[in-house]
Protein backbone atom coordinates (compact mmCIF):
# COMPACT_ATOMS: atom_id res chain seq x y z
CA MET A 1 -8.87 -19.02 -5.07
CA LEU A 2 -5.62 -17.07 -4.97
CA ASP A 3 -3.74 -19.40 -7.33
CA ARG A 4 -4.96 -17.39 -10.30
CA PHE A 5 -2.84 -14.44 -9.09
CA LYS A 6 0.30 -16.49 -8.44
CA ALA A 7 1.79 -15.94 -11.90
CA PHE A 8 1.34 -12.18 -11.56
CA TRP A 9 3.14 -11.99 -8.21
CA VAL A 10 5.91 -14.35 -9.31
CA GLY A 11 6.54 -12.13 -12.35
CA LEU A 12 6.64 -9.06 -10.14
CA LEU A 13 9.09 -10.70 -7.73
CA ASN A 14 11.34 -12.11 -10.46
CA PRO A 15 13.88 -9.23 -10.42
CA ILE A 16 14.26 -9.61 -6.65
CA ALA A 17 14.74 -13.36 -7.03
CA GLN A 18 17.41 -12.79 -9.68
CA LEU A 19 19.20 -10.27 -7.44
CA PHE A 20 19.19 -12.60 -4.42
CA ILE A 21 20.60 -15.43 -6.53
CA LYS A 22 23.44 -13.20 -7.77
CA LEU A 23 24.18 -12.23 -4.16
CA GLY A 24 24.41 -15.89 -3.18
CA ILE A 25 21.30 -15.84 -0.98
CA THR A 26 19.64 -19.26 -0.88
CA ALA A 27 15.94 -20.04 -1.07
CA ASP A 28 16.08 -21.63 2.40
CA ALA A 29 17.55 -18.41 3.81
CA VAL A 30 14.69 -16.42 2.24
CA THR A 31 12.20 -18.84 3.81
CA LEU A 32 13.76 -18.42 7.25
CA ILE A 33 14.08 -14.63 7.06
CA GLY A 34 10.50 -14.32 5.81
CA THR A 35 9.20 -16.34 8.75
CA ILE A 36 11.22 -14.31 11.24
CA GLY A 37 9.80 -11.12 9.72
CA VAL A 38 6.21 -12.36 9.87
CA CYS A 39 6.61 -13.49 13.48
CA THR A 40 8.20 -10.18 14.45
CA GLY A 41 5.40 -8.15 12.91
CA ALA A 42 2.71 -10.28 14.52
CA LEU A 43 4.18 -10.77 17.99
CA VAL A 44 5.74 -7.34 18.48
CA PHE A 45 3.20 -4.95 16.97
CA PHE A 46 -0.17 -6.70 17.30
CA PRO A 47 -0.03 -7.14 21.10
CA ARG A 48 0.73 -3.42 21.44
CA GLY A 49 -2.35 -2.48 19.41
CA GLU A 50 -0.29 -1.29 16.43
CA LEU A 51 -2.37 -3.31 13.98
CA LEU A 52 -1.75 -1.33 10.80
CA PHE A 53 2.00 -1.18 11.30
CA GLY A 54 1.99 -4.88 12.10
CA VAL A 55 0.08 -5.71 8.90
CA LEU A 56 2.44 -3.61 6.78
CA PHE A 57 5.48 -5.18 8.42
CA ILE A 58 4.12 -8.70 7.89
CA THR A 59 3.17 -7.96 4.27
CA ALA A 60 6.76 -6.92 3.54
CA PHE A 61 7.89 -10.45 4.43
CA VAL A 62 4.93 -12.63 3.54
CA PHE A 63 5.83 -12.71 -0.17
CA SER A 64 8.90 -14.74 0.72
CA ASP A 65 6.53 -17.71 0.43
CA LEU A 66 6.44 -17.16 -3.34
CA LEU A 67 9.97 -15.86 -3.66
CA ASP A 68 11.75 -18.88 -2.21
CA GLY A 69 9.94 -21.33 -4.48
CA HIS A 70 10.65 -19.20 -7.54
CA MET A 71 14.34 -18.98 -6.61
CA SER A 72 14.51 -22.77 -6.32
CA ARG A 73 13.04 -23.16 -9.79
CA LEU A 74 15.42 -20.59 -11.29
CA THR A 75 18.50 -22.23 -9.81
CA GLY A 76 17.30 -25.77 -10.43
CA LYS A 77 18.04 -26.60 -6.81
CA LYS A 78 14.59 -27.77 -5.74
CA ASN A 79 14.76 -30.45 -3.06
CA ARG A 80 12.46 -32.11 -0.59
CA PHE A 81 14.08 -30.43 2.39
CA GLY A 82 13.24 -27.00 1.00
CA ALA A 83 9.61 -28.02 0.64
CA PHE A 84 9.60 -29.46 4.16
CA LEU A 85 11.20 -26.33 5.64
CA ASP A 86 8.80 -24.02 3.80
CA SER A 87 5.72 -25.94 4.95
CA THR A 88 6.94 -26.19 8.53
CA LEU A 89 7.82 -22.50 8.84
CA ASP A 90 4.51 -21.54 7.23
CA ARG A 91 2.75 -23.10 10.23
CA ILE A 92 4.91 -21.03 12.58
CA GLY A 93 4.14 -17.81 10.70
CA ASP A 94 0.40 -18.50 10.60
CA GLY A 95 0.39 -19.33 14.30
CA ALA A 96 2.24 -16.12 15.09
CA ILE A 97 -0.33 -14.00 13.22
CA PHE A 98 -3.35 -15.41 15.03
CA GLY A 99 -1.39 -15.68 18.28
CA GLY A 100 -0.50 -12.00 17.99
CA LEU A 101 -4.16 -11.12 17.44
CA ALA A 102 -5.11 -13.23 20.47
CA MET A 103 -2.56 -11.26 22.52
CA TYR A 104 -4.07 -8.04 21.18
CA PHE A 105 -7.53 -9.03 22.38
CA ALA A 106 -6.08 -10.13 25.71
CA GLY A 107 -4.53 -6.66 26.04
CA PRO A 108 -5.57 -3.38 24.36
CA GLY A 109 -8.35 -5.06 22.35
CA ASP A 110 -9.91 -6.22 25.62
CA SER A 111 -12.30 -8.88 24.31
CA ARG A 112 -12.49 -12.40 25.66
CA LEU A 113 -14.83 -13.42 22.83
CA TYR A 114 -12.45 -12.41 20.06
CA LEU A 115 -9.51 -13.77 22.00
CA TRP A 116 -11.20 -17.17 21.80
CA LEU A 117 -12.06 -16.72 18.12
CA ALA A 118 -8.44 -15.88 17.31
CA MET A 119 -7.34 -19.01 19.18
CA ILE A 120 -9.89 -21.12 17.30
CA CYS A 121 -8.51 -19.76 14.01
CA LEU A 122 -4.98 -20.59 15.17
CA VAL A 123 -5.79 -24.16 16.19
CA MET A 124 -8.11 -25.03 13.33
CA GLY A 125 -5.76 -23.50 10.78
CA SER A 126 -2.98 -25.78 12.02
CA VAL A 127 -5.26 -28.81 12.10
CA THR A 128 -6.43 -28.06 8.56
CA SER A 129 -2.87 -28.32 7.28
CA TYR A 130 -2.06 -31.31 9.47
CA ALA A 131 -5.14 -33.23 8.35
CA ARG A 132 -4.17 -32.89 4.70
CA ALA A 133 -0.52 -33.80 5.32
CA LYS A 134 -1.46 -36.81 7.46
CA ALA A 135 -4.01 -37.99 4.91
CA GLU A 136 -1.52 -37.74 2.06
CA GLY A 137 1.06 -39.57 4.17
CA MET A 138 -1.44 -42.43 4.51
CA GLY A 139 -2.16 -42.44 0.78
CA TYR A 140 -5.49 -40.58 0.89
CA ASP A 141 -6.61 -37.37 -0.80
CA ALA A 142 -7.80 -34.53 1.45
CA LYS A 143 -7.62 -31.57 -0.91
CA VAL A 144 -11.05 -30.27 0.02
CA GLY A 145 -12.27 -27.38 2.10
CA ILE A 146 -13.46 -23.79 2.02
CA ALA A 147 -10.55 -22.25 3.93
CA GLU A 148 -7.20 -22.72 2.21
CA ARG A 149 -4.12 -21.26 3.90
CA ALA A 150 -3.52 -18.43 1.41
CA ASP A 151 -7.15 -17.32 1.57
CA ARG A 152 -7.09 -17.24 5.38
CA LEU A 153 -3.86 -15.28 5.47
CA VAL A 154 -4.90 -12.65 2.94
CA ALA A 155 -8.35 -12.23 4.46
CA ILE A 156 -7.15 -11.56 8.00
CA LEU A 157 -4.30 -9.26 6.96
CA VAL A 158 -6.39 -7.20 4.55
CA MET A 159 -9.34 -6.81 6.91
CA THR A 160 -7.15 -6.07 9.91
CA GLY A 161 -5.32 -3.41 7.92
CA LEU A 162 -8.50 -1.83 6.54
CA GLY A 163 -10.11 -1.91 9.96
CA ALA A 164 -7.14 -0.03 11.40
CA ILE A 165 -7.09 2.55 8.57
CA PHE A 166 -10.80 3.37 8.71
CA ASP A 167 -11.24 2.74 12.43
CA LEU A 168 -13.67 -0.08 11.73
CA PRO A 169 -12.65 -2.98 14.00
CA ILE A 170 -15.81 -4.80 12.91
CA LEU A 171 -14.02 -5.71 9.66
CA MET A 172 -11.46 -7.76 11.57
CA GLU A 173 -14.09 -9.14 13.93
CA VAL A 174 -16.36 -10.36 11.12
CA THR A 175 -13.33 -11.90 9.40
CA LEU A 176 -12.39 -13.79 12.58
CA TRP A 177 -15.92 -15.19 12.80
CA ALA A 178 -15.82 -16.22 9.14
CA LEU A 179 -12.38 -17.83 9.40
CA ALA A 180 -13.19 -19.65 12.64
CA ILE A 181 -16.28 -21.17 11.03
CA ALA A 182 -14.62 -21.86 7.67
CA SER A 183 -11.56 -23.48 9.24
CA THR A 184 -13.71 -25.71 11.44
CA VAL A 185 -15.86 -26.73 8.48
CA THR A 186 -12.72 -27.48 6.45
CA VAL A 187 -11.35 -29.74 9.19
CA LEU A 188 -14.67 -31.61 9.33
CA GLN A 189 -14.75 -31.91 5.54
CA ARG A 190 -11.28 -33.43 5.45
CA ILE A 191 -12.09 -35.86 8.25
CA TRP A 192 -15.23 -36.96 6.41
CA VAL A 193 -13.48 -37.35 3.04
CA VAL A 194 -10.66 -39.41 4.55
CA ARG A 195 -13.20 -41.51 6.49
CA LYS A 196 -15.01 -42.39 3.26
CA GLN A 197 -11.77 -43.34 1.54
CA ALA A 198 -10.59 -45.43 4.50
CA TYR A 199 -13.89 -47.30 4.78
CA ALA A 200 -14.00 -47.88 1.01
CA GLU A 201 -10.46 -49.23 1.13
CA ALA A 202 -11.31 -51.52 4.05
CA ALA A 203 -14.41 -52.81 2.24
CA ALA A 204 -12.41 -53.47 -0.93
CA THR A 205 -9.74 -55.31 1.04
CA ALA A 206 -12.37 -57.41 2.81
CA ALA A 207 -14.06 -58.24 -0.50
CA THR A 208 -10.74 -59.22 -2.06
CA GLY A 209 -9.91 -61.39 0.91
CA ALA A 210 -13.30 -63.08 0.78
CA THR A 211 -12.97 -63.71 -2.96
CA GLY A 212 -9.48 -65.10 -2.51
CA GLY A 213 -10.62 -67.37 0.31
CA GLN A 214 -13.54 -68.66 -1.70
CA ALA A 215 -11.31 -69.39 -4.70
CA GLY A 216 -8.88 -71.28 -2.46
CA ALA A 217 -11.68 -73.37 -0.98
CA GLU A 218 -13.03 -74.25 -4.44
CA SER A 219 -9.62 -75.33 -5.65
């Protein structure tokens, strides 16, 4: 859903990317610094109940996810390690955001229900990404689901921030419900899609083997 806005943000961040390249800052360094910033905002400010400040702090670093890729394209130094590092650190940043919210509900937020919902979002968000990566590693396609990473991230940050500004915690609470359900559904969708592909592959292999055996017997 958010891919349509990618070109806009990349264009906006282009001057920063050009500056970083001139300063000798690498795309991998931007990835690492961005993750550290996201984790700091989530794990320092959220548990203390400073939700708005945490959201603003995280937002200042979250665009590194677009910036590092754009820098790699500009320098022509794209490599598989950069993609691996970016994907791996994304999981850490996402976990920190929902982990920080879980700590908030365990502390000043004082809600066991929403503590559990935040944990469900954390776990299912990680499994969503893992399921796709594992499927692709096995040669299957698992690009399905109603809760992509970018959508989850923007939704929780925007609604947490607005809830803090207007003193409407229900905005964050409703978003947690929606993301917990959507992430769980996405995991189930990916399991089902991979199951169908695996069973179809097994059936095709069995049919090929049977045909080959029959041809050998006839000869």
